[in-house]
C-alpha atoms as a PDB file:
ATOM      1  CA  UNK A   1      -2.024  -1.095  10.792  1.00  0.00           C
ATOM      2  CA  UNK A   2      -4.074  -2.821  13.278  1.00  0.00           C
ATOM      3  CA  UNK A   3      -7.688  -2.865  14.033  1.00  0.00           C
ATOM      4  CA  UNK A   4      -6.777  -1.140  17.399  1.00  0.00           C
ATOM      5  CA  UNK A   5      -5.312   1.785  15.632  1.00  0.00           C
ATOM      6  CA  UNK A   6      -8.751   2.365  13.749  1.00  0.00           C
ATOM      7  CA  UNK A   7     -10.541   2.016  16.983  1.00  0.00           C
ATOM      8  CA  UNK A   8      -8.318   4.515  18.846  1.00  0.00           C
ATOM      9  CA  UNK A   9      -8.710   7.144  16.023  1.00  0.00           C
ATOM     10  CA  UNK A  10     -12.584   6.796  16.271  1.00  0.00           C
ATOM     11  CA  UNK A  11     -12.396   7.119  20.073  1.00  0.00           C
ATOM     12  CA  UNK A  12     -10.217  10.281  19.688  1.00  0.00           C
ATOM     13  CA  UNK A  13     -12.492  11.630  16.982  1.00  0.00           C
ATOM     14  CA  UNK A  14     -15.398  11.337  19.365  1.00  0.00           C
ATOM     15  CA  UNK A  15     -13.658  13.040  22.064  1.00  0.00           C
ATOM     16  CA  UNK A  16     -12.488  15.647  19.602  1.00  0.00           C
ATOM     17  CA  UNK A  17     -16.086  16.439  18.460  1.00  0.00           C
ATOM     18  CA  UNK A  18     -17.189  16.695  22.151  1.00  0.00           C
ATOM     19  CA  UNK A  19     -14.461  18.964  22.987  1.00  0.00           C
ATOM     20  CA  UNK A  20     -15.100  21.383  19.894  1.00  0.00           C
ATOM     21  CA  UNK A  21     -18.892  21.043  20.385  1.00  0.00           C
ATOM     22  CA  UNK A  22     -19.180  20.213  16.678  1.00  0.00           C
ATOM     23  CA  UNK A  23     -20.592  17.149  14.797  1.00  0.00           C
ATOM     24  CA  UNK A  24     -18.111  17.245  11.979  1.00  0.00           C
ATOM     25  CA  UNK A  25     -15.264  19.358  10.254  1.00  0.00           C
ATOM     26  CA  UNK A  26     -14.532  20.316   6.593  1.00  0.00           C
ATOM     27  CA  UNK A  27     -10.653  20.217   6.361  1.00  0.00           C
ATOM     28  CA  UNK A  28      -7.739  19.426   8.348  1.00  0.00           C
ATOM     29  CA  UNK A  29      -4.335  20.914   8.213  1.00  0.00           C
ATOM     30  CA  UNK A  30      -1.103  19.730   9.746  1.00  0.00           C
ATOM     31  CA  UNK A  31       1.513  22.651  10.313  1.00  0.00           C
ATOM     32  CA  UNK A  32       5.172  21.665   9.902  1.00  0.00           C
ATOM     33  CA  UNK A  33       8.216  22.969  11.764  1.00  0.00           C
ATOM     34  CA  UNK A  34       8.051  26.852  11.861  1.00  0.00           C
ATOM     35  CA  UNK A  35       4.592  27.021  10.413  1.00  0.00           C
ATOM     36  CA  UNK A  36       2.649  27.197  13.614  1.00  0.00           C
ATOM     37  CA  UNK A  37       2.288  31.072  13.480  1.00  0.00           C
ATOM     38  CA  UNK A  38       0.822  30.750   9.838  1.00  0.00           C
ATOM     39  CA  UNK A  39      -2.599  29.151  11.635  1.00  0.00           C
ATOM     40  CA  UNK A  40      -3.449  32.583  13.056  1.00  0.00           C
ATOM     41  CA  UNK A  41      -4.514  33.810   9.569  1.00  0.00           C
ATOM     42  CA  UNK A  42      -6.882  30.901   8.619  1.00  0.00           C
ATOM     43  CA  UNK A  43      -9.760  31.866  10.728  1.00  0.00           C
ATOM     44  CA  UNK A  44     -11.478  32.463  14.046  1.00  0.00           C
ATOM     45  CA  UNK A  45     -10.546  30.185  16.844  1.00  0.00           C
ATOM     46  CA  UNK A  46     -13.547  28.123  18.074  1.00  0.00           C
ATOM     47  CA  UNK A  47     -11.564  25.774  20.278  1.00  0.00           C
ATOM     48  CA  UNK A  48      -8.107  24.500  21.285  1.00  0.00           C
ATOM     49  CA  UNK A  49      -7.463  21.253  22.570  1.00  0.00           C
ATOM     50  CA  UNK A  50      -4.081  20.007  23.850  1.00  0.00           C
ATOM     51  CA  UNK A  51      -2.807  16.623  22.161  1.00  0.00           C
ATOM     52  CA  UNK A  52      -2.538  15.144  25.564  1.00  0.00           C
ATOM     53  CA  UNK A  53      -6.373  15.567  26.210  1.00  0.00           C
ATOM     54  CA  UNK A  54      -7.211  13.272  23.371  1.00  0.00           C
ATOM     55  CA  UNK A  55      -6.759   9.435  23.190  1.00  0.00           C
ATOM     56  CA  UNK A  56      -3.633   8.341  21.512  1.00  0.00           C
ATOM     57  CA  UNK A  57      -1.836  11.545  21.041  1.00  0.00           C
ATOM     58  CA  UNK A  58       1.474  12.568  22.584  1.00  0.00           C
ATOM     59  CA  UNK A  59       3.024  16.013  23.051  1.00  0.00           C
ATOM     60  CA  UNK A  60       5.357  16.896  20.254  1.00  0.00           C
ATOM     61  CA  UNK A  61       9.000  16.163  21.032  1.00  0.00           C
ATOM     62  CA  UNK A  62      10.219  18.807  18.411  1.00  0.00           C
ATOM     63  CA  UNK A  63      10.890  22.384  19.099  1.00  0.00           C
ATOM     64  CA  UNK A  64       8.669  24.521  17.022  1.00  0.00           C
ATOM     65  CA  UNK A  65       5.766  22.395  17.196  1.00  0.00           C
ATOM     66  CA  UNK A  66       2.632  23.693  19.344  1.00  0.00           C
ATOM     67  CA  UNK A  67       1.060  20.341  20.701  1.00  0.00           C
ATOM     68  CA  UNK A  68      -2.621  21.444  20.074  1.00  0.00           C
ATOM     69  CA  UNK A  69      -5.480  20.894  17.922  1.00  0.00           C
ATOM     70  CA  UNK A  70      -6.969  24.344  16.934  1.00  0.00           C
ATOM     71  CA  UNK A  71     -10.602  24.373  15.529  1.00  0.00           C
ATOM     72  CA  UNK A  72     -11.277  27.422  13.688  1.00  0.00           C
ATOM     73  CA  UNK A  73     -14.214  28.947  11.573  1.00  0.00           C
ATOM     74  CA  UNK A  74     -13.186  30.296   8.342  1.00  0.00           C
ATOM     75  CA  UNK A  75     -14.664  33.494   6.681  1.00  0.00           C
ATOM     76  CA  UNK A  76     -16.872  31.368   4.408  1.00  0.00           C
ATOM     77  CA  UNK A  77     -18.215  29.437   7.470  1.00  0.00           C
ATOM     78  CA  UNK A  78     -16.212  26.137   7.239  1.00  0.00           C
ATOM     79  CA  UNK A  79     -14.659  24.385  10.272  1.00  0.00           C
ATOM     80  CA  UNK A  80     -11.201  23.520   9.975  1.00  0.00           C
ATOM     81  CA  UNK A  81      -8.959  21.332  12.373  1.00  0.00           C
ATOM     82  CA  UNK A  82      -5.410  22.608  12.549  1.00  0.00           C
ATOM     83  CA  UNK A  83      -2.729  20.317  13.913  1.00  0.00           C
ATOM     84  CA  UNK A  84      -0.097  22.405  15.534  1.00  0.00           C
ATOM     85  CA  UNK A  85       2.463  19.715  15.561  1.00  0.00           C
ATOM     86  CA  UNK A  86       2.913  16.195  14.439  1.00  0.00           C
ATOM     87  CA  UNK A  87       4.681  12.780  15.655  1.00  0.00           C
ATOM     88  CA  UNK A  88       7.764  11.898  13.455  1.00  0.00           C
ATOM     89  CA  UNK A  89       8.931   8.357  12.872  1.00  0.00           C
ATOM     90  CA  UNK A  90      12.366   9.080  14.317  1.00  0.00           C
ATOM     91  CA  UNK A  91      10.745   9.511  17.862  1.00  0.00           C
ATOM     92  CA  UNK A  92      10.362   5.962  18.018  1.00  0.00           C
ATOM     93  CA  UNK A  93       6.639   5.523  18.754  1.00  0.00           C
ATOM     94  CA  UNK A  94       5.776   3.589  15.610  1.00  0.00           C
ATOM     95  CA  UNK A  95       3.956   4.229  12.427  1.00  0.00           C
ATOM     96  CA  UNK A  96       0.521   4.252  13.881  1.00  0.00           C
ATOM     97  CA  UNK A  97       1.442   7.102  16.266  1.00  0.00           C
ATOM     98  CA  UNK A  98       2.624   9.165  13.155  1.00  0.00           C
ATOM     99  CA  UNK A  99      -0.567   8.763  11.324  1.00  0.00           C
ATOM    100  CA  UNK A 100      -2.954   8.991  14.225  1.00  0.00           C
ATOM    101  CA  UNK A 101      -3.964  12.582  13.743  1.00  0.00           C
ATOM    102  CA  UNK A 102      -4.762  11.864  10.118  1.00  0.00           C
ATOM    103  CA  UNK A 103      -6.832   8.825  11.064  1.00  0.00           C
ATOM    104  CA  UNK A 104      -8.612  10.956  13.683  1.00  0.00           C
ATOM    105  CA  UNK A 105      -9.427  13.729  11.419  1.00  0.00           C
ATOM    106  CA  UNK A 106     -10.839  11.212   8.915  1.00  0.00           C
ATOM    107  CA  UNK A 107     -12.930   9.667  11.585  1.00  0.00           C
ATOM    108  CA  UNK A 108     -14.170  13.057  12.535  1.00  0.00           C
ATOM    109  CA  UNK A 109     -15.532  13.568   9.131  1.00  0.00           C
ATOM    110  CA  UNK A 110     -12.743  15.508   7.258  1.00  0.00           C
ATOM    111  CA  UNK A 111     -12.613  14.940   3.605  1.00  0.00           C
ATOM    112  CA  UNK A 112      -9.615  17.217   2.579  1.00  0.00           C
ATOM    113  CA  UNK A 113      -6.235  17.197   4.201  1.00  0.00           C
ATOM    114  CA  UNK A 114      -3.550  19.874   3.835  1.00  0.00           C
ATOM    115  CA  UNK A 115       0.006  18.642   4.803  1.00  0.00           C
ATOM    116  CA  UNK A 116       2.607  21.347   5.465  1.00  0.00           C
ATOM    117  CA  UNK A 117       6.471  20.756   6.143  1.00  0.00           C
ATOM    118  CA  UNK A 118       9.955  22.429   6.364  1.00  0.00           C
ATOM    119  CA  UNK A 119      12.006  20.908   3.701  1.00  0.00           C
ATOM    120  CA  UNK A 120      15.558  21.020   2.726  1.00  0.00           C
ATOM    121  CA  UNK A 121      15.728  22.301  -1.153  1.00  0.00           C
ATOM    122  CA  UNK A 122      17.559  19.958  -3.602  1.00  0.00           C
ATOM    123  CA  UNK A 123      17.534  22.493  -6.408  1.00  0.00           C
ATOM    124  CA  UNK A 124      19.251  25.766  -5.160  1.00  0.00           C
ATOM    125  CA  UNK A 125      19.539  26.802  -8.940  1.00  0.00           C
ATOM    126  CA  UNK A 126      15.680  27.363  -9.038  1.00  0.00           C
ATOM    127  CA  UNK A 127      14.794  27.375  -5.319  1.00  0.00           C
ATOM    128  CA  UNK A 128      15.487  30.179  -2.664  1.00  0.00           C
ATOM    129  CA  UNK A 129      15.287  29.842   0.958  1.00  0.00           C
ATOM    130  CA  UNK A 130      11.596  30.682   2.193  1.00  0.00           C
ATOM    131  CA  UNK A 131      10.180  29.537  -1.171  1.00  0.00           C
ATOM    132  CA  UNK A 132       6.808  27.604  -0.740  1.00  0.00           C
ATOM    133  CA  UNK A 133       6.543  24.574  -3.281  1.00  0.00           C
ATOM    134  CA  UNK A 134       3.568  22.565  -3.905  1.00  0.00           C
ATOM    135  CA  UNK A 135       4.240  18.745  -3.524  1.00  0.00           C
ATOM    136  CA  UNK A 136       3.235  16.937  -6.932  1.00  0.00           C
ATOM    137  CA  UNK A 137       4.642  13.554  -5.748  1.00  0.00           C
ATOM    138  CA  UNK A 138       6.954  11.847  -3.179  1.00  0.00           C
ATOM    139  CA  UNK A 139       9.472   9.213  -2.780  1.00  0.00           C
ATOM    140  CA  UNK A 140       9.191   7.240   0.389  1.00  0.00           C
ATOM    141  CA  UNK A 141      12.649   6.493   1.822  1.00  0.00           C
ATOM    142  CA  UNK A 142      11.588   6.079   5.457  1.00  0.00           C
ATOM    143  CA  UNK A 143      11.432   2.236   5.156  1.00  0.00           C
ATOM    144  CA  UNK A 144       8.120   2.224   6.750  1.00  0.00           C
ATOM    145  CA  UNK A 145       4.424   2.270   5.518  1.00  0.00           C
ATOM    146  CA  UNK A 146       1.142   2.822   7.649  1.00  0.00           C
ATOM    147  CA  UNK A 147      -0.586   0.081   5.682  1.00  0.00           C
ATOM    148  CA  UNK A 148       0.252  -3.647   6.253  1.00  0.00           C
ATOM    149  CA  UNK A 149      -1.427  -6.781   4.928  1.00  0.00           C
ATOM    150  CA  UNK A 150      -3.254  -7.098   1.727  1.00  0.00           C
ATOM    151  CA  UNK A 151      -4.727  -3.394   1.303  1.00  0.00           C
ATOM    152  CA  UNK A 152      -3.597  -2.152  -1.761  1.00  0.00           C
ATOM    153  CA  UNK A 153      -3.860   1.629  -2.447  1.00  0.00           C
ATOM    154  CA  UNK A 154      -3.355   3.440  -5.558  1.00  0.00           C
ATOM    155  CA  UNK A 155      -0.888   6.342  -5.131  1.00  0.00           C
ATOM    156  CA  UNK A 156      -0.842   7.535  -8.743  1.00  0.00           C
ATOM    157  CA  UNK A 157      -2.368  10.853  -7.643  1.00  0.00           C
ATOM    158  CA  UNK A 158      -1.763  10.767  -3.900  1.00  0.00           C
ATOM    159  CA  UNK A 159      -1.460  14.824  -4.033  1.00  0.00           C
ATOM    160  CA  UNK A 160      -4.543  15.923  -5.713  1.00  0.00           C
ATOM    161  CA  UNK A 161      -4.007  17.543  -9.149  1.00  0.00           C
ATOM    162  CA  UNK A 162      -7.406  19.311  -8.676  1.00  0.00           C
ATOM    163  CA  UNK A 163      -6.156  20.936  -5.362  1.00  0.00           C
ATOM    164  CA  UNK A 164      -2.760  21.943  -6.977  1.00  0.00           C
ATOM    165  CA  UNK A 165      -4.585  23.593  -9.745  1.00  0.00           C
ATOM    166  CA  UNK A 166      -6.777  25.682  -7.230  1.00  0.00           C
ATOM    167  CA  UNK A 167      -3.628  26.792  -5.384  1.00  0.00           C
ATOM    168  CA  UNK A 168      -1.987  27.890  -8.613  1.00  0.00           C
ATOM    169  CA  UNK A 169      -5.176  29.971  -9.372  1.00  0.00           C
ATOM    170  CA  UNK A 170      -4.552  31.850  -6.124  1.00  0.00           C
ATOM    171  CA  UNK A 171      -0.666  31.996  -6.537  1.00  0.00           C
ATOM    172  CA  UNK A 172       0.195  31.394 -10.220  1.00  0.00           C
ATOM    173  CA  UNK A 173       3.914  31.428  -9.904  1.00  0.00           C
ATOM    174  CA  UNK A 174       3.905  28.578  -7.190  1.00  0.00           C
ATOM    175  CA  UNK A 175       6.558  25.767  -8.200  1.00  0.00           C
ATOM    176  CA  UNK A 176       5.840  22.187  -7.970  1.00  0.00           C
ATOM    177  CA  UNK A 177       8.277  19.558  -6.777  1.00  0.00           C
ATOM    178  CA  UNK A 178       8.657  15.945  -5.640  1.00  0.00           C
ATOM    179  CA  UNK A 179       9.284  15.420  -1.904  1.00  0.00           C
ATOM    180  CA  UNK A 180      11.481  12.841  -0.525  1.00  0.00           C
ATOM    181  CA  UNK A 181      11.276  11.523   2.968  1.00  0.00           C
ATOM    182  CA  UNK A 182      13.975   9.899   5.241  1.00  0.00           C
ATOM    183  CA  UNK A 183      13.303   8.621   8.703  1.00  0.00           C
ATOM    184  CA  UNK A 184      15.527  11.070  10.403  1.00  0.00           C
ATOM    185  CA  UNK A 185      16.545  12.538  12.934  1.00  0.00           C
ATOM    186  CA  UNK A 186      19.948  13.046  11.167  1.00  0.00           C
ATOM    187  CA  UNK A 187      19.902  15.338   8.354  1.00  0.00           C
ATOM    188  CA  UNK A 188      21.093  13.794   4.995  1.00  0.00           C
ATOM    189  CA  UNK A 189      24.738  13.545   3.850  1.00  0.00           C
ATOM    190  CA  UNK A 190      26.069  15.347   0.859  1.00  0.00           C
ATOM    191  CA  UNK A 191      26.177  12.011  -1.047  1.00  0.00           C
ATOM    192  CA  UNK A 192      22.564  11.239  -0.240  1.00  0.00           C
ATOM    193  CA  UNK A 193      21.595  14.752  -1.309  1.00  0.00           C
ATOM    194  CA  UNK A 194      23.328  14.026  -4.704  1.00  0.00           C
ATOM    195  CA  UNK A 195      21.647  10.622  -4.898  1.00  0.00           C
ATOM    196  CA  UNK A 196      18.280  12.265  -4.343  1.00  0.00           C
ATOM    197  CA  UNK A 197      18.823  14.906  -7.060  1.00  0.00           C
ATOM    198  CA  UNK A 198      19.616  12.034  -9.446  1.00  0.00           C
ATOM    199  CA  UNK A 199      16.425  10.235  -8.506  1.00  0.00           C
ATOM    200  CA  UNK A 200      14.260  13.299  -9.316  1.00  0.00           C
ATOM    201  CA  UNK A 201      13.703  14.731  -5.824  1.00  0.00           C
ATOM    202  CA  UNK A 202      13.256  18.409  -5.208  1.00  0.00           C
ATOM    203  CA  UNK A 203      12.687  18.785  -1.498  1.00  0.00           C
ATOM    204  CA  UNK A 204      13.777  16.516   1.337  1.00  0.00           C
ATOM    205  CA  UNK A 205      12.386  16.156   4.870  1.00  0.00           C
ATOM    206  CA  UNK A 206      11.312  13.629   7.715  1.00  0.00           C
ATOM    207  CA  UNK A 207       7.542  13.863   7.468  1.00  0.00           C
ATOM    208  CA  UNK A 208       4.432  13.939   5.363  1.00  0.00           C
ATOM    209  CA  UNK A 209       4.639  10.841   3.079  1.00  0.00           C
ATOM    210  CA  UNK A 210       3.286   8.348   5.678  1.00  0.00           C
ATOM    211  CA  UNK A 211       0.387  10.861   6.488  1.00  0.00           C
ATOM    212  CA  UNK A 212      -0.415  11.169   2.987  1.00  0.00           C
ATOM    213  CA  UNK A 213      -0.493   7.368   2.383  1.00  0.00           C
ATOM    214  CA  UNK A 214      -2.882   7.085   5.456  1.00  0.00           C
ATOM    215  CA  UNK A 215      -5.136   9.839   4.133  1.00  0.00           C
ATOM    216  CA  UNK A 216      -5.368   8.156   0.816  1.00  0.00           C
ATOM    217  CA  UNK A 217      -6.292   4.837   2.556  1.00  0.00           C
ATOM    218  CA  UNK A 218      -9.230   6.768   4.201  1.00  0.00           C
ATOM    219  CA  UNK A 219     -10.425   8.443   1.017  1.00  0.00           C
ATOM    220  CA  UNK A 220      -9.225  11.855   1.784  1.00  0.00           C
ATOM    221  CA  UNK A 221      -8.198  14.327  -0.925  1.00  0.00           C
ATOM    222  CA  UNK A 222      -4.562  15.559  -0.037  1.00  0.00           C
ATOM    223  CA  UNK A 223      -2.649  18.839  -0.732  1.00  0.00           C
ATOM    224  CA  UNK A 224       0.883  19.015   0.179  1.00  0.00           C
ATOM    225  CA  UNK A 225       3.049  22.070   0.629  1.00  0.00           C
ATOM    226  CA  UNK A 226       6.729  22.461   1.376  1.00  0.00           C
ATOM    227  CA  UNK A 227       8.573  25.539   2.800  1.00  0.00           C
ATOM    228  CA  UNK A 228      12.147  25.412   1.577  1.00  0.00           C
ATOM    229  CA  UNK A 229      13.988  26.399   4.799  1.00  0.00           C
ATOM    230  CA  UNK A 230      17.476  25.583   3.673  1.00  0.00           C
ATOM    231  CA  UNK A 231      19.735  24.037   0.880  1.00  0.00           C
ATOM    232  CA  UNK A 232      20.282  20.276   1.114  1.00  0.00           C
ATOM    233  CA  UNK A 233      23.591  19.207   2.796  1.00  0.00           C
ATOM    234  CA  UNK A 234      26.646  20.074   0.715  1.00  0.00           C
ATOM    235  CA  UNK A 235      24.987  22.476  -1.626  1.00  0.00           C
ATOM    236  CA  UNK A 236      25.730  25.607   0.250  1.00  0.00           C
ATOM    237  CA  UNK A 237      28.864  24.774   2.129  1.00  0.00           C
ATOM    238  CA  UNK A 238      27.096  25.382   5.432  1.00  0.00           C
ATOM    239  CA  UNK A 239      26.213  22.921   8.238  1.00  0.00           C
ATOM    240  CA  UNK A 240      22.492  22.225   8.853  1.00  0.00           C
ATOM    241  CA  UNK A 241      20.710  23.674  11.946  1.00  0.00           C
ATOM    242  CA  UNK A 242      17.218  23.061  13.334  1.00  0.00           C
ATOM    243  CA  UNK A 243      17.022  26.558  14.894  1.00  0.00           C
ATOM    244  CA  UNK A 244      17.664  28.110  11.325  1.00  0.00           C
ATOM    245  CA  UNK A 245      14.810  25.896   9.982  1.00  0.00           C
ATOM    246  CA  UNK A 246      12.435  27.297  12.557  1.00  0.00           C
ATOM    247  CA  UNK A 247      13.764  30.867  11.947  1.00  0.00           C
ATOM    248  CA  UNK A 248      12.826  30.811   8.221  1.00  0.00           C
ATOM    249  CA  UNK A 249       9.507  29.517   9.163  1.00  0.00           C
ATOM    250  CA  UNK A 250       8.839  32.314  11.583  1.00  0.00           C
ATOM    251  CA  UNK A 251      10.182  34.894   8.973  1.00  0.00           C
ATOM    252  CA  UNK A 252       7.814  33.445   6.298  1.00  0.00           C
ATOM    253  CA  UNK A 253       4.793  32.689   8.541  1.00  0.00           C
ATOM    254  CA  UNK A 254       2.633  35.727   7.533  1.00  0.00           C
ATOM    255  CA  UNK A 255       2.966  35.059   3.918  1.00  0.00           C
ATOM    256  CA  UNK A 256       2.192  31.264   4.531  1.00  0.00           C
ATOM    257  CA  UNK A 257      -0.584  31.968   6.595  1.00  0.00           C
ATOM    258  CA  UNK A 258      -2.300  34.233   3.974  1.00  0.00           C
ATOM    259  CA  UNK A 259      -1.778  31.709   1.408  1.00  0.00           C
ATOM    260  CA  UNK A 260      -3.310  28.799   3.464  1.00  0.00           C
ATOM    261  CA  UNK A 261      -6.265  30.887   4.399  1.00  0.00           C
ATOM    262  CA  UNK A 262      -7.154  31.653   0.703  1.00  0.00           C
ATOM    263  CA  UNK A 263      -6.621  27.923  -0.061  1.00  0.00           C
ATOM    264  CA  UNK A 264      -8.839  26.757   2.801  1.00  0.00           C
ATOM    265  CA  UNK A 265     -11.532  29.153   1.998  1.00  0.00           C
ATOM    266  CA  UNK A 266     -11.739  27.937  -1.705  1.00  0.00           C
ATOM    267  CA  UNK A 267     -11.755  24.240  -0.788  1.00  0.00           C
END
């Protein structure tokens, strides 16, 4: 990370406050592939700002991502930032671009971050397509890190135990699992899926971990939630397809939105 990345996030946060007409925000959510419709349930829309209107942001390159930041007021009066889309490492824009939204949210006053994603399930014996899974920990196989130099960040509890307990109060049967991140954009091979199961992974995807590390560096409390949209490669005998990932997201958007609305209102 460079000083310029911090400065750019601060500039974007100032522009975001001005566009929203608010001095600070309580919570931010990053919506993964297919999750965008779930944002409608979280609260009343106060403002919507296109990524391209803020310094350092680019329009999403992936189908199923909205390319906007929505500012909503929850029923309890909290103000939430909802990132409808994200930048992925495989886009080739660098790590700072991937975590720019998280750093901007932190600079705008956010102290709690909810990261969602679409993920391949590594445990079909216990996971069904469409299941939400709390992220209890992660394995970073992207080959990247948003922090450079001698800044040492403890990741013992990168995904807040307190927040996970709060979510289980709302939905007691929700499972927990370890999320594994690859760089992408190719899906994993069956051999890689077998390796990940051996390593203790439960879900696999191409996002989230770099954002969570940047969030912890900024002192944010992080909640992670995966939506299992397909079994991992080789576990079902069927090829993987991004459109099917989006379809599962759309099919379960209402349920995810209700869950997120309850969680955000309790934070």
